[in-house]
């Protein structure tokens, strides 16, 4: 399951660029520079947002994407891991003109189909490092979420209608799901469920949810 954990940057870099890909030391060093550049850019973005819109903020914890936020009242900045993902997938992280999709039989079938397909294609693995990625062979809840989100965007669903949500399960575990805002309400796509359900039927406590602007999150 997607429980929050602490990881340092060297382990994150080694995992993404070295051991799992079977690369040598030179490739790892190159990956190290790339990853640190990403982190610096993401932190600069968060800092800029904080300077203009946030007067008091909680500290950022780079190791735990699901707990890494700056907040003022009910407004939050996106998790660091999500921001890093967006550096590589800019087209998926911009605000769209429409913030919801018409709920039709075609829409429901699409959501159900993508939920089933992704749940079957990724084998569950509680990652040692928190990197949000697309179409991995093994991954945790955020990988399921981002893969579903990407496929739905490619299928024509507006980015602003696709809301990543950080939740707590009834057992108190940290988890992530994808909410799709439709004319009939918000529906949840979840790697722990075979079928889609409405947000109020999940049984989860919602910690933070992306807004129509993917870089802005709220309770």
N, C-alpha and C. Protein backbone atom coordinates (compact mmCIF):
# COMPACT_ATOMS: atom_id res chain seq x y z
N UNK A 1 0.85 -1.20 0.00
CA UNK A 1 0.00 0.00 0.00
C UNK A 1 0.87 1.23 0.00
N UNK A 2 0.26 2.35 -0.24
CA UNK A 2 0.99 3.62 -0.37
C UNK A 2 1.16 4.28 0.97
N UNK A 3 1.93 3.74 1.85
CA UNK A 3 2.18 4.40 3.12
C UNK A 3 3.30 5.40 2.94
N UNK A 4 3.19 6.57 3.63
CA UNK A 4 4.21 7.61 3.51
C UNK A 4 5.50 7.12 4.14
N UNK A 5 6.63 7.44 3.53
CA UNK A 5 7.91 7.00 4.06
C UNK A 5 8.98 8.04 3.77
N UNK A 6 10.11 7.93 4.47
CA UNK A 6 11.19 8.89 4.33
C UNK A 6 12.26 8.31 3.41
N UNK A 7 12.74 9.08 2.44
CA UNK A 7 13.79 8.64 1.53
C UNK A 7 14.69 9.83 1.25
N UNK A 8 16.00 9.53 1.10
CA UNK A 8 16.89 10.64 0.77
C UNK A 8 17.07 10.74 -0.74
N UNK A 9 17.59 11.88 -1.18
CA UNK A 9 17.75 12.12 -2.61
C UNK A 9 18.68 11.12 -3.29
N UNK A 10 19.84 10.74 -2.69
CA UNK A 10 20.71 9.77 -3.35
C UNK A 10 20.00 8.45 -3.65
N UNK A 11 19.20 7.95 -2.71
CA UNK A 11 18.47 6.71 -2.96
C UNK A 11 17.48 6.88 -4.09
N UNK A 12 16.79 8.00 -4.12
CA UNK A 12 15.82 8.28 -5.18
C UNK A 12 16.52 8.28 -6.53
N UNK A 13 17.65 8.95 -6.60
CA UNK A 13 18.39 9.06 -7.85
C UNK A 13 18.93 7.70 -8.28
N UNK A 14 19.50 6.96 -7.33
CA UNK A 14 20.06 5.65 -7.64
C UNK A 14 18.98 4.71 -8.16
N UNK A 15 17.81 4.77 -7.54
CA UNK A 15 16.71 3.91 -7.94
C UNK A 15 16.22 4.24 -9.35
N UNK A 16 16.06 5.54 -9.64
CA UNK A 16 15.48 5.93 -10.93
C UNK A 16 16.47 5.79 -12.07
N UNK A 17 17.75 6.05 -11.82
CA UNK A 17 18.70 6.13 -12.91
C UNK A 17 19.73 5.00 -12.91
N UNK A 18 19.81 4.23 -11.86
CA UNK A 18 20.88 3.26 -11.77
C UNK A 18 20.47 1.82 -11.69
N UNK A 19 20.20 1.36 -10.48
CA UNK A 19 20.05 -0.06 -10.24
C UNK A 19 18.94 -0.69 -11.07
N UNK A 20 17.75 -0.09 -11.11
CA UNK A 20 16.63 -0.71 -11.80
C UNK A 20 16.85 -0.75 -13.31
N UNK A 21 17.65 0.18 -13.87
CA UNK A 21 17.88 0.22 -15.30
C UNK A 21 19.19 -0.46 -15.68
N UNK A 22 19.94 -0.94 -14.69
CA UNK A 22 21.17 -1.63 -14.96
C UNK A 22 22.25 -0.74 -15.56
N UNK A 23 22.30 0.52 -15.18
CA UNK A 23 23.25 1.46 -15.75
C UNK A 23 24.53 1.52 -14.93
N UNK A 24 25.60 2.03 -15.56
CA UNK A 24 26.87 2.15 -14.90
C UNK A 24 26.99 3.42 -14.09
N UNK A 25 28.19 3.62 -13.50
CA UNK A 25 28.41 4.76 -12.62
C UNK A 25 28.25 6.08 -13.36
N UNK A 26 28.73 6.15 -14.61
CA UNK A 26 28.64 7.40 -15.37
C UNK A 26 27.19 7.78 -15.60
N UNK A 27 26.36 6.79 -15.92
CA UNK A 27 24.94 7.06 -16.15
C UNK A 27 24.27 7.52 -14.86
N UNK A 28 24.67 6.92 -13.74
CA UNK A 28 24.10 7.31 -12.45
C UNK A 28 24.47 8.75 -12.13
N UNK A 29 25.75 9.12 -12.41
CA UNK A 29 26.17 10.49 -12.16
C UNK A 29 25.38 11.48 -13.02
N UNK A 30 25.15 11.11 -14.28
CA UNK A 30 24.34 11.96 -15.16
C UNK A 30 22.93 12.08 -14.62
N UNK A 31 22.38 10.95 -14.19
CA UNK A 31 21.04 10.95 -13.61
C UNK A 31 20.97 11.79 -12.36
N UNK A 32 22.05 11.75 -11.58
CA UNK A 32 22.11 12.55 -10.36
C UNK A 32 21.96 14.03 -10.67
N UNK A 33 22.71 14.48 -11.67
CA UNK A 33 22.64 15.90 -12.04
C UNK A 33 21.24 16.27 -12.53
N UNK A 34 20.64 15.39 -13.35
CA UNK A 34 19.30 15.65 -13.87
C UNK A 34 18.29 15.74 -12.73
N UNK A 35 18.34 14.79 -11.80
CA UNK A 35 17.37 14.76 -10.71
C UNK A 35 17.52 15.97 -9.81
N UNK A 36 18.78 16.35 -9.48
CA UNK A 36 18.95 17.51 -8.62
C UNK A 36 18.48 18.78 -9.32
N UNK A 37 18.68 18.86 -10.63
CA UNK A 37 18.16 20.01 -11.38
C UNK A 37 16.65 20.06 -11.29
N UNK A 38 16.00 18.90 -11.40
CA UNK A 38 14.54 18.84 -11.29
C UNK A 38 14.09 19.31 -9.91
N UNK A 39 14.78 18.83 -8.89
CA UNK A 39 14.40 19.20 -7.53
C UNK A 39 14.56 20.70 -7.31
N UNK A 40 15.67 21.25 -7.81
CA UNK A 40 15.91 22.69 -7.65
C UNK A 40 14.82 23.50 -8.34
N UNK A 41 14.45 23.09 -9.57
CA UNK A 41 13.41 23.80 -10.30
C UNK A 41 12.08 23.71 -9.57
N UNK A 42 11.75 22.51 -9.08
CA UNK A 42 10.48 22.32 -8.38
C UNK A 42 10.44 23.16 -7.11
N UNK A 43 11.54 23.18 -6.37
CA UNK A 43 11.59 23.97 -5.15
C UNK A 43 11.49 25.46 -5.45
N UNK A 44 12.11 25.89 -6.55
CA UNK A 44 12.03 27.29 -6.93
C UNK A 44 10.60 27.68 -7.27
N UNK A 45 9.90 26.75 -7.94
CA UNK A 45 8.50 27.01 -8.28
C UNK A 45 7.65 27.14 -7.04
N UNK A 46 7.84 26.21 -6.10
CA UNK A 46 7.08 26.25 -4.85
C UNK A 46 7.40 27.51 -4.07
N UNK A 47 8.69 27.87 -4.04
CA UNK A 47 9.10 29.07 -3.30
C UNK A 47 8.48 30.33 -3.89
N UNK A 48 8.43 30.38 -5.22
CA UNK A 48 7.84 31.54 -5.88
C UNK A 48 6.37 31.66 -5.57
N UNK A 49 5.68 30.53 -5.60
CA UNK A 49 4.26 30.54 -5.27
C UNK A 49 4.06 30.96 -3.82
N UNK A 50 4.94 30.45 -2.94
CA UNK A 50 4.82 30.79 -1.53
C UNK A 50 5.07 32.26 -1.28
N UNK A 51 5.99 32.86 -2.01
CA UNK A 51 6.32 34.27 -1.81
C UNK A 51 5.20 35.19 -2.22
N UNK A 52 4.40 34.76 -3.20
CA UNK A 52 3.35 35.65 -3.71
C UNK A 52 1.99 35.39 -3.10
N UNK A 53 1.75 34.17 -2.63
CA UNK A 53 0.39 33.85 -2.18
C UNK A 53 0.30 33.29 -0.77
N UNK A 54 1.44 32.96 -0.16
CA UNK A 54 1.39 32.27 1.12
C UNK A 54 2.24 33.01 2.14
N UNK A 55 1.63 33.46 3.19
CA UNK A 55 2.37 34.24 4.18
C UNK A 55 3.03 33.37 5.23
N UNK A 56 2.41 32.26 5.58
CA UNK A 56 3.02 31.34 6.54
C UNK A 56 2.86 29.94 6.00
N UNK A 57 3.92 29.14 6.11
CA UNK A 57 3.88 27.84 5.45
C UNK A 57 4.50 26.77 6.32
N UNK A 58 4.05 25.53 6.09
CA UNK A 58 4.64 24.39 6.75
C UNK A 58 5.92 24.02 6.01
N UNK A 59 6.85 23.36 6.68
CA UNK A 59 8.09 22.95 6.04
C UNK A 59 7.80 21.87 5.01
N UNK A 60 8.64 21.82 3.97
CA UNK A 60 8.49 20.80 2.93
C UNK A 60 9.40 19.63 3.25
N UNK A 61 8.86 18.44 3.16
CA UNK A 61 9.62 17.22 3.37
C UNK A 61 9.79 16.56 2.02
N UNK A 62 11.01 16.57 1.46
CA UNK A 62 11.24 16.02 0.13
C UNK A 62 10.98 14.53 0.07
N UNK A 63 11.09 13.83 1.17
CA UNK A 63 10.96 12.39 1.13
C UNK A 63 9.55 11.89 1.03
N UNK A 64 8.56 12.66 1.43
CA UNK A 64 7.19 12.17 1.45
C UNK A 64 6.29 13.05 0.62
N UNK A 65 5.99 12.61 -0.59
CA UNK A 65 5.19 13.43 -1.50
C UNK A 65 3.80 13.67 -0.95
N UNK A 66 3.27 12.69 -0.24
CA UNK A 66 1.91 12.84 0.24
C UNK A 66 1.83 13.72 1.47
N UNK A 67 2.98 14.08 2.05
CA UNK A 67 2.93 14.97 3.19
C UNK A 67 3.63 16.28 2.93
N UNK A 68 4.12 16.48 1.70
CA UNK A 68 4.93 17.66 1.39
C UNK A 68 4.09 18.75 0.78
N UNK A 69 3.63 19.68 1.61
CA UNK A 69 2.80 20.77 1.13
C UNK A 69 3.19 22.06 1.83
N UNK A 70 2.92 23.18 1.17
CA UNK A 70 2.85 24.46 1.84
C UNK A 70 1.38 24.80 1.92
N UNK A 71 0.96 25.39 3.02
CA UNK A 71 -0.48 25.59 3.16
C UNK A 71 -0.81 26.92 3.80
N UNK A 72 -1.95 27.45 3.42
CA UNK A 72 -2.52 28.62 4.08
C UNK A 72 -4.02 28.40 4.07
N UNK A 73 -4.59 28.16 5.24
CA UNK A 73 -6.01 27.85 5.29
C UNK A 73 -6.27 26.54 4.57
N UNK A 74 -7.17 26.60 3.56
CA UNK A 74 -7.55 25.40 2.83
C UNK A 74 -6.80 25.27 1.50
N UNK A 75 -5.90 26.18 1.18
CA UNK A 75 -5.19 26.14 -0.09
C UNK A 75 -3.81 25.52 0.10
N UNK A 76 -3.44 24.62 -0.81
CA UNK A 76 -2.15 23.95 -0.71
C UNK A 76 -1.46 23.93 -2.06
N UNK A 77 -0.14 23.77 -2.01
CA UNK A 77 0.64 23.61 -3.22
C UNK A 77 0.77 22.11 -3.48
N UNK A 78 0.87 21.73 -4.74
CA UNK A 78 0.94 20.31 -5.12
C UNK A 78 2.12 19.60 -4.45
N UNK A 79 2.00 18.29 -4.23
CA UNK A 79 3.11 17.52 -3.68
C UNK A 79 4.36 17.66 -4.55
N UNK A 80 5.53 17.61 -3.94
CA UNK A 80 6.78 17.73 -4.67
C UNK A 80 6.90 16.67 -5.76
N UNK A 81 6.54 15.42 -5.46
CA UNK A 81 6.65 14.35 -6.46
C UNK A 81 5.76 14.62 -7.66
N UNK A 82 4.59 15.22 -7.42
CA UNK A 82 3.69 15.59 -8.52
C UNK A 82 4.32 16.71 -9.35
N UNK A 83 4.92 17.68 -8.68
CA UNK A 83 5.58 18.79 -9.38
C UNK A 83 6.74 18.29 -10.24
N UNK A 84 7.50 17.32 -9.73
CA UNK A 84 8.59 16.74 -10.51
C UNK A 84 8.05 16.01 -11.73
N UNK A 85 6.93 15.30 -11.55
CA UNK A 85 6.28 14.62 -12.67
C UNK A 85 5.90 15.63 -13.74
N UNK A 86 5.36 16.76 -13.32
CA UNK A 86 4.88 17.78 -14.26
C UNK A 86 6.02 18.42 -15.04
N UNK A 87 7.23 18.41 -14.50
CA UNK A 87 8.37 18.94 -15.25
C UNK A 87 8.62 18.13 -16.50
N UNK A 88 8.30 16.84 -16.45
CA UNK A 88 8.50 15.96 -17.60
C UNK A 88 7.24 15.80 -18.45
N UNK A 89 6.09 16.22 -17.92
CA UNK A 89 4.81 16.04 -18.63
C UNK A 89 4.00 17.33 -18.54
N UNK A 90 4.57 18.40 -19.06
CA UNK A 90 3.96 19.72 -18.95
C UNK A 90 2.56 19.75 -19.54
N UNK A 91 2.38 19.05 -20.65
CA UNK A 91 1.09 19.07 -21.34
C UNK A 91 -0.03 18.46 -20.50
N UNK A 92 0.32 17.64 -19.51
CA UNK A 92 -0.69 17.01 -18.66
C UNK A 92 -0.96 17.82 -17.40
N UNK A 93 -0.24 18.90 -17.21
CA UNK A 93 -0.32 19.63 -15.94
C UNK A 93 -0.74 21.08 -16.11
N UNK A 94 -1.39 21.39 -17.21
CA UNK A 94 -1.90 22.73 -17.44
C UNK A 94 -3.41 22.76 -17.25
N UNK A 95 -3.92 23.90 -16.84
CA UNK A 95 -5.36 24.04 -16.63
C UNK A 95 -6.08 24.06 -17.96
N UNK A 96 -7.16 23.28 -18.07
CA UNK A 96 -7.93 23.23 -19.32
C UNK A 96 -9.12 24.18 -19.26
N UNK A 97 -9.73 24.43 -20.41
CA UNK A 97 -10.87 25.34 -20.47
C UNK A 97 -12.07 24.77 -19.72
N UNK A 98 -12.26 23.46 -19.82
CA UNK A 98 -13.38 22.82 -19.15
C UNK A 98 -12.90 22.13 -17.88
N UNK A 99 -13.71 22.21 -16.82
CA UNK A 99 -13.32 21.61 -15.54
C UNK A 99 -14.16 20.39 -15.18
N UNK A 100 -15.06 19.99 -16.06
CA UNK A 100 -15.82 18.76 -15.84
C UNK A 100 -16.21 18.17 -17.19
N UNK A 101 -16.60 16.91 -17.15
CA UNK A 101 -16.97 16.21 -18.37
C UNK A 101 -18.43 15.76 -18.26
N UNK A 102 -19.14 15.76 -19.37
CA UNK A 102 -20.53 15.30 -19.37
C UNK A 102 -20.57 13.82 -19.02
N UNK A 103 -21.46 13.47 -18.08
CA UNK A 103 -21.55 12.07 -17.66
C UNK A 103 -22.54 11.34 -18.56
N UNK A 104 -22.02 10.52 -19.44
CA UNK A 104 -22.82 9.73 -20.36
C UNK A 104 -22.41 8.26 -20.22
N UNK A 105 -23.13 7.39 -20.91
CA UNK A 105 -22.78 5.97 -20.89
C UNK A 105 -21.36 5.78 -21.44
N UNK A 106 -21.03 6.57 -22.45
CA UNK A 106 -19.69 6.48 -23.03
C UNK A 106 -18.62 6.88 -22.02
N UNK A 107 -18.90 7.94 -21.26
CA UNK A 107 -17.94 8.39 -20.24
C UNK A 107 -17.76 7.34 -19.16
N UNK A 108 -18.87 6.80 -18.66
CA UNK A 108 -18.78 5.79 -17.62
C UNK A 108 -18.01 4.57 -18.10
N UNK A 109 -18.28 4.12 -19.32
CA UNK A 109 -17.58 2.96 -19.87
C UNK A 109 -16.08 3.24 -20.00
N UNK A 110 -15.74 4.46 -20.40
CA UNK A 110 -14.33 4.83 -20.53
C UNK A 110 -13.64 4.80 -19.17
N UNK A 111 -14.26 5.40 -18.17
CA UNK A 111 -13.67 5.43 -16.83
C UNK A 111 -13.49 4.02 -16.28
N UNK A 112 -14.52 3.20 -16.44
CA UNK A 112 -14.47 1.83 -15.92
C UNK A 112 -13.40 1.01 -16.65
N UNK A 113 -13.32 1.21 -17.97
CA UNK A 113 -12.35 0.47 -18.77
C UNK A 113 -10.91 0.82 -18.41
N UNK A 114 -10.64 2.12 -18.27
CA UNK A 114 -9.29 2.56 -17.91
C UNK A 114 -8.93 2.09 -16.50
N UNK A 115 -9.88 2.17 -15.58
CA UNK A 115 -9.63 1.72 -14.21
C UNK A 115 -9.24 0.25 -14.18
N UNK A 116 -10.00 -0.59 -14.90
CA UNK A 116 -9.71 -2.03 -14.93
C UNK A 116 -8.38 -2.31 -15.60
N UNK A 117 -8.16 -1.68 -16.75
CA UNK A 117 -6.95 -1.97 -17.52
C UNK A 117 -5.68 -1.62 -16.76
N UNK A 118 -5.66 -0.45 -16.13
CA UNK A 118 -4.47 -0.04 -15.39
C UNK A 118 -4.28 -0.88 -14.14
N UNK A 119 -5.37 -1.20 -13.46
CA UNK A 119 -5.27 -2.04 -12.26
C UNK A 119 -4.65 -3.40 -12.59
N UNK A 120 -4.93 -3.89 -13.80
CA UNK A 120 -4.38 -5.18 -14.22
C UNK A 120 -2.95 -5.08 -14.74
N UNK A 121 -2.60 -3.93 -15.29
CA UNK A 121 -1.30 -3.81 -15.96
C UNK A 121 -0.13 -3.54 -15.02
N UNK A 122 -0.42 -2.98 -13.84
CA UNK A 122 0.64 -2.66 -12.88
C UNK A 122 0.55 -3.61 -11.68
N UNK A 123 1.67 -4.22 -11.35
CA UNK A 123 1.69 -5.09 -10.18
C UNK A 123 2.01 -4.24 -8.94
N UNK A 124 1.24 -4.43 -7.87
CA UNK A 124 1.42 -3.58 -6.68
C UNK A 124 2.77 -3.78 -6.01
N UNK A 125 3.41 -2.68 -5.70
CA UNK A 125 4.70 -2.69 -5.00
C UNK A 125 4.83 -1.41 -4.20
N UNK A 126 5.05 -1.53 -2.90
CA UNK A 126 5.27 -0.35 -2.06
C UNK A 126 6.69 0.13 -2.29
N UNK A 127 6.84 1.19 -3.07
CA UNK A 127 8.16 1.65 -3.49
C UNK A 127 8.99 2.20 -2.33
N UNK A 128 10.29 1.98 -2.43
CA UNK A 128 11.20 2.53 -1.42
C UNK A 128 11.41 4.02 -1.63
N UNK A 129 11.21 4.47 -2.86
CA UNK A 129 11.32 5.89 -3.17
C UNK A 129 10.03 6.35 -3.82
N UNK A 130 9.68 7.60 -3.62
CA UNK A 130 8.39 8.10 -4.07
C UNK A 130 8.52 8.87 -5.38
N UNK A 131 8.55 8.13 -6.49
CA UNK A 131 8.61 8.72 -7.82
C UNK A 131 7.30 8.40 -8.53
N UNK A 132 6.58 9.41 -8.96
CA UNK A 132 5.31 9.22 -9.65
C UNK A 132 5.61 9.00 -11.13
N UNK A 133 5.21 7.85 -11.67
CA UNK A 133 5.60 7.51 -13.03
C UNK A 133 4.45 6.88 -13.81
N UNK A 134 4.67 6.76 -15.13
CA UNK A 134 3.66 6.23 -16.04
C UNK A 134 3.99 4.80 -16.46
N UNK A 135 2.97 3.96 -16.47
CA UNK A 135 3.06 2.61 -17.04
C UNK A 135 4.21 1.76 -16.52
N UNK A 136 4.51 1.80 -15.22
CA UNK A 136 5.57 0.91 -14.73
C UNK A 136 5.06 -0.52 -14.64
N UNK A 137 5.96 -1.49 -14.65
CA UNK A 137 5.54 -2.88 -14.45
C UNK A 137 5.09 -3.08 -13.01
N UNK A 138 5.81 -2.43 -12.09
CA UNK A 138 5.49 -2.49 -10.67
C UNK A 138 5.35 -1.05 -10.16
N UNK A 139 4.41 -0.84 -9.24
CA UNK A 139 4.25 0.51 -8.71
C UNK A 139 3.26 0.56 -7.57
N UNK A 140 3.17 1.74 -6.94
CA UNK A 140 2.20 1.91 -5.87
C UNK A 140 1.08 2.83 -6.33
N UNK A 141 0.25 3.28 -5.40
CA UNK A 141 -1.00 3.95 -5.76
C UNK A 141 -0.81 5.17 -6.66
N UNK A 142 0.23 5.96 -6.43
CA UNK A 142 0.39 7.16 -7.25
C UNK A 142 0.73 6.83 -8.70
N UNK A 143 1.39 5.70 -8.92
CA UNK A 143 1.69 5.27 -10.29
C UNK A 143 0.42 4.84 -11.02
N UNK A 144 -0.46 4.15 -10.31
CA UNK A 144 -1.77 3.81 -10.89
C UNK A 144 -2.52 5.10 -11.25
N UNK A 145 -2.51 6.05 -10.33
CA UNK A 145 -3.25 7.31 -10.52
C UNK A 145 -2.74 8.06 -11.75
N UNK A 146 -1.42 8.24 -11.84
CA UNK A 146 -0.88 9.04 -12.94
C UNK A 146 -1.04 8.33 -14.29
N UNK A 147 -0.97 7.01 -14.28
CA UNK A 147 -1.18 6.25 -15.52
C UNK A 147 -2.62 6.37 -15.99
N UNK A 148 -3.57 6.25 -15.07
CA UNK A 148 -4.98 6.42 -15.42
C UNK A 148 -5.24 7.84 -15.91
N UNK A 149 -4.69 8.79 -15.21
CA UNK A 149 -4.89 10.20 -15.58
C UNK A 149 -4.37 10.46 -16.99
N UNK A 150 -3.18 9.97 -17.29
CA UNK A 150 -2.58 10.17 -18.60
C UNK A 150 -3.42 9.54 -19.71
N UNK A 151 -3.90 8.34 -19.46
CA UNK A 151 -4.71 7.66 -20.48
C UNK A 151 -6.03 8.38 -20.72
N UNK A 152 -6.62 8.90 -19.67
CA UNK A 152 -7.88 9.62 -19.83
C UNK A 152 -7.68 10.95 -20.56
N UNK A 153 -6.56 11.61 -20.31
CA UNK A 153 -6.24 12.84 -21.04
C UNK A 153 -6.12 12.53 -22.53
N UNK A 154 -5.42 11.44 -22.85
CA UNK A 154 -5.26 11.05 -24.25
C UNK A 154 -6.60 10.67 -24.88
N UNK A 155 -7.55 10.23 -24.04
CA UNK A 155 -8.88 9.86 -24.54
C UNK A 155 -9.80 11.06 -24.67
N UNK A 156 -9.31 12.25 -24.28
CA UNK A 156 -10.09 13.47 -24.47
C UNK A 156 -10.72 14.07 -23.23
N UNK A 157 -10.45 13.50 -22.05
CA UNK A 157 -10.98 14.08 -20.82
C UNK A 157 -10.15 15.31 -20.45
N UNK A 158 -10.78 16.45 -20.13
CA UNK A 158 -10.03 17.66 -19.80
C UNK A 158 -9.14 17.46 -18.57
N UNK A 159 -7.95 18.04 -18.60
CA UNK A 159 -7.04 17.89 -17.46
C UNK A 159 -7.65 18.43 -16.17
N UNK A 160 -8.42 19.50 -16.26
CA UNK A 160 -8.99 20.11 -15.06
C UNK A 160 -10.11 19.29 -14.45
N UNK A 161 -10.60 18.29 -15.18
CA UNK A 161 -11.63 17.41 -14.64
C UNK A 161 -11.02 16.21 -13.94
N UNK A 162 -9.71 16.07 -14.04
CA UNK A 162 -9.00 14.93 -13.45
C UNK A 162 -8.24 15.39 -12.22
N UNK A 163 -8.71 15.00 -11.05
CA UNK A 163 -8.17 15.52 -9.79
C UNK A 163 -7.49 14.40 -8.99
N UNK A 164 -6.21 14.51 -8.80
CA UNK A 164 -5.51 13.56 -7.93
C UNK A 164 -5.89 13.87 -6.49
N UNK A 165 -6.19 12.84 -5.72
CA UNK A 165 -6.60 13.02 -4.32
C UNK A 165 -5.74 12.18 -3.39
N UNK A 166 -5.27 12.81 -2.33
CA UNK A 166 -4.53 12.12 -1.27
C UNK A 166 -5.52 11.85 -0.14
N UNK A 167 -5.60 10.60 0.29
CA UNK A 167 -6.62 10.21 1.27
C UNK A 167 -6.01 9.35 2.37
N UNK A 168 -6.83 9.10 3.39
CA UNK A 168 -6.51 8.13 4.42
C UNK A 168 -7.56 7.03 4.36
N UNK A 169 -7.09 5.80 4.35
CA UNK A 169 -8.01 4.67 4.32
C UNK A 169 -8.61 4.46 5.71
N UNK A 170 -9.64 3.63 5.84
CA UNK A 170 -10.21 3.35 7.16
C UNK A 170 -9.17 2.79 8.14
N UNK A 171 -8.09 2.20 7.61
CA UNK A 171 -7.03 1.66 8.46
C UNK A 171 -5.97 2.72 8.79
N UNK A 172 -6.18 3.94 8.30
CA UNK A 172 -5.26 5.03 8.60
C UNK A 172 -4.05 5.10 7.69
N UNK A 173 -4.05 4.34 6.60
CA UNK A 173 -2.92 4.34 5.68
C UNK A 173 -3.06 5.44 4.63
N UNK A 174 -1.93 6.01 4.24
CA UNK A 174 -1.92 7.02 3.19
C UNK A 174 -2.14 6.35 1.85
N UNK A 175 -2.94 6.99 1.01
CA UNK A 175 -3.32 6.39 -0.27
C UNK A 175 -3.62 7.50 -1.26
N UNK A 176 -3.58 7.20 -2.54
CA UNK A 176 -3.92 8.18 -3.58
C UNK A 176 -4.89 7.56 -4.57
N UNK A 177 -5.87 8.34 -5.00
CA UNK A 177 -6.84 7.91 -5.99
C UNK A 177 -7.03 9.03 -7.01
N UNK A 178 -7.71 8.70 -8.10
CA UNK A 178 -8.01 9.70 -9.11
C UNK A 178 -9.51 10.01 -9.10
N UNK A 179 -9.84 11.29 -8.96
CA UNK A 179 -11.23 11.73 -9.03
C UNK A 179 -11.48 12.34 -10.41
N UNK A 180 -12.63 11.99 -10.98
CA UNK A 180 -13.03 12.57 -12.26
C UNK A 180 -14.30 13.37 -12.02
N UNK A 181 -14.22 14.67 -12.26
CA UNK A 181 -15.38 15.54 -12.04
C UNK A 181 -16.28 15.50 -13.27
N UNK A 182 -17.53 15.07 -13.06
CA UNK A 182 -18.49 14.96 -14.15
C UNK A 182 -19.75 15.76 -13.83
N UNK A 183 -20.65 15.83 -14.79
CA UNK A 183 -21.92 16.54 -14.58
C UNK A 183 -22.80 15.81 -13.57
N UNK A 184 -22.44 14.58 -13.24
CA UNK A 184 -23.20 13.79 -12.26
C UNK A 184 -22.46 13.63 -10.94
N UNK A 185 -21.39 14.40 -10.76
CA UNK A 185 -20.61 14.31 -9.53
C UNK A 185 -19.22 13.77 -9.78
N UNK A 186 -18.46 13.59 -8.70
CA UNK A 186 -17.08 13.10 -8.81
C UNK A 186 -17.03 11.59 -8.64
N UNK A 187 -16.33 10.93 -9.56
CA UNK A 187 -16.17 9.49 -9.50
C UNK A 187 -14.71 9.14 -9.22
N UNK A 188 -14.51 8.09 -8.41
CA UNK A 188 -13.18 7.70 -7.98
C UNK A 188 -12.68 6.47 -8.73
N UNK A 189 -11.46 6.58 -9.26
CA UNK A 189 -10.77 5.45 -9.86
C UNK A 189 -9.67 5.06 -8.87
N UNK A 190 -9.68 3.80 -8.46
CA UNK A 190 -8.88 3.36 -7.32
C UNK A 190 -8.27 2.00 -7.62
N UNK A 191 -6.99 1.84 -7.37
CA UNK A 191 -6.36 0.54 -7.61
C UNK A 191 -6.80 -0.51 -6.59
N UNK A 192 -7.49 -0.10 -5.53
CA UNK A 192 -8.00 -1.06 -4.55
C UNK A 192 -9.43 -1.49 -4.85
N UNK A 193 -9.99 -0.97 -5.94
CA UNK A 193 -11.37 -1.31 -6.32
C UNK A 193 -11.43 -1.72 -7.79
N UNK A 194 -12.28 -2.71 -8.06
CA UNK A 194 -12.47 -3.15 -9.44
C UNK A 194 -13.44 -2.25 -10.18
N UNK A 195 -14.31 -1.57 -9.45
CA UNK A 195 -15.32 -0.72 -10.07
C UNK A 195 -15.13 0.73 -9.62
N UNK A 196 -15.69 1.66 -10.39
CA UNK A 196 -15.63 3.06 -10.01
C UNK A 196 -16.82 3.38 -9.10
N UNK A 197 -16.60 4.27 -8.15
CA UNK A 197 -17.66 4.67 -7.23
C UNK A 197 -17.62 6.19 -7.09
N UNK A 198 -18.68 6.76 -6.54
CA UNK A 198 -18.68 8.19 -6.28
C UNK A 198 -17.77 8.51 -5.10
N UNK A 199 -17.32 9.74 -5.07
CA UNK A 199 -16.39 10.18 -4.03
C UNK A 199 -16.92 9.87 -2.64
N UNK A 200 -18.18 10.14 -2.39
CA UNK A 200 -18.73 9.93 -1.05
C UNK A 200 -18.97 8.47 -0.72
N UNK A 201 -18.67 7.58 -1.65
CA UNK A 201 -18.83 6.15 -1.40
C UNK A 201 -17.50 5.44 -1.17
N UNK A 202 -16.41 6.19 -1.19
CA UNK A 202 -15.10 5.57 -1.05
C UNK A 202 -14.80 5.11 0.37
N UNK A 203 -15.36 5.81 1.36
CA UNK A 203 -15.05 5.49 2.75
C UNK A 203 -13.73 6.07 3.21
N UNK A 204 -13.11 6.92 2.38
CA UNK A 204 -11.83 7.52 2.73
C UNK A 204 -11.99 8.89 3.36
N UNK A 205 -10.98 9.30 4.13
CA UNK A 205 -10.90 10.67 4.62
C UNK A 205 -9.99 11.44 3.68
N UNK A 206 -10.51 12.49 3.08
CA UNK A 206 -9.75 13.23 2.08
C UNK A 206 -8.82 14.24 2.75
N UNK A 207 -7.54 14.11 2.46
CA UNK A 207 -6.51 14.97 3.04
C UNK A 207 -6.26 16.17 2.14
N UNK A 208 -6.13 15.92 0.85
CA UNK A 208 -5.86 16.99 -0.10
C UNK A 208 -6.27 16.55 -1.50
N UNK A 209 -6.81 17.50 -2.27
CA UNK A 209 -7.31 17.19 -3.62
C UNK A 209 -6.86 18.29 -4.58
N UNK A 210 -6.42 17.89 -5.76
CA UNK A 210 -6.05 18.87 -6.78
C UNK A 210 -7.28 19.65 -7.22
N UNK A 211 -7.08 20.91 -7.54
CA UNK A 211 -8.17 21.75 -8.03
C UNK A 211 -8.20 21.71 -9.55
N UNK A 212 -9.00 22.59 -10.17
CA UNK A 212 -9.03 22.67 -11.63
C UNK A 212 -7.66 23.07 -12.17
N UNK A 213 -6.90 23.80 -11.35
CA UNK A 213 -5.51 24.12 -11.67
C UNK A 213 -4.65 23.05 -11.01
N UNK A 214 -4.04 22.14 -11.78
CA UNK A 214 -3.30 21.02 -11.19
C UNK A 214 -2.23 21.40 -10.18
N UNK A 215 -1.71 22.63 -10.25
CA UNK A 215 -0.67 23.05 -9.32
C UNK A 215 -1.23 23.53 -7.99
N UNK A 216 -2.54 23.66 -7.90
CA UNK A 216 -3.19 24.12 -6.68
C UNK A 216 -4.05 23.01 -6.09
N UNK A 217 -3.83 22.75 -4.83
CA UNK A 217 -4.57 21.68 -4.15
C UNK A 217 -5.33 22.27 -2.97
N UNK A 218 -6.36 21.57 -2.53
CA UNK A 218 -7.14 22.02 -1.37
C UNK A 218 -7.71 20.80 -0.66
N UNK A 219 -8.32 21.04 0.50
CA UNK A 219 -8.94 19.95 1.24
C UNK A 219 -10.24 19.54 0.57
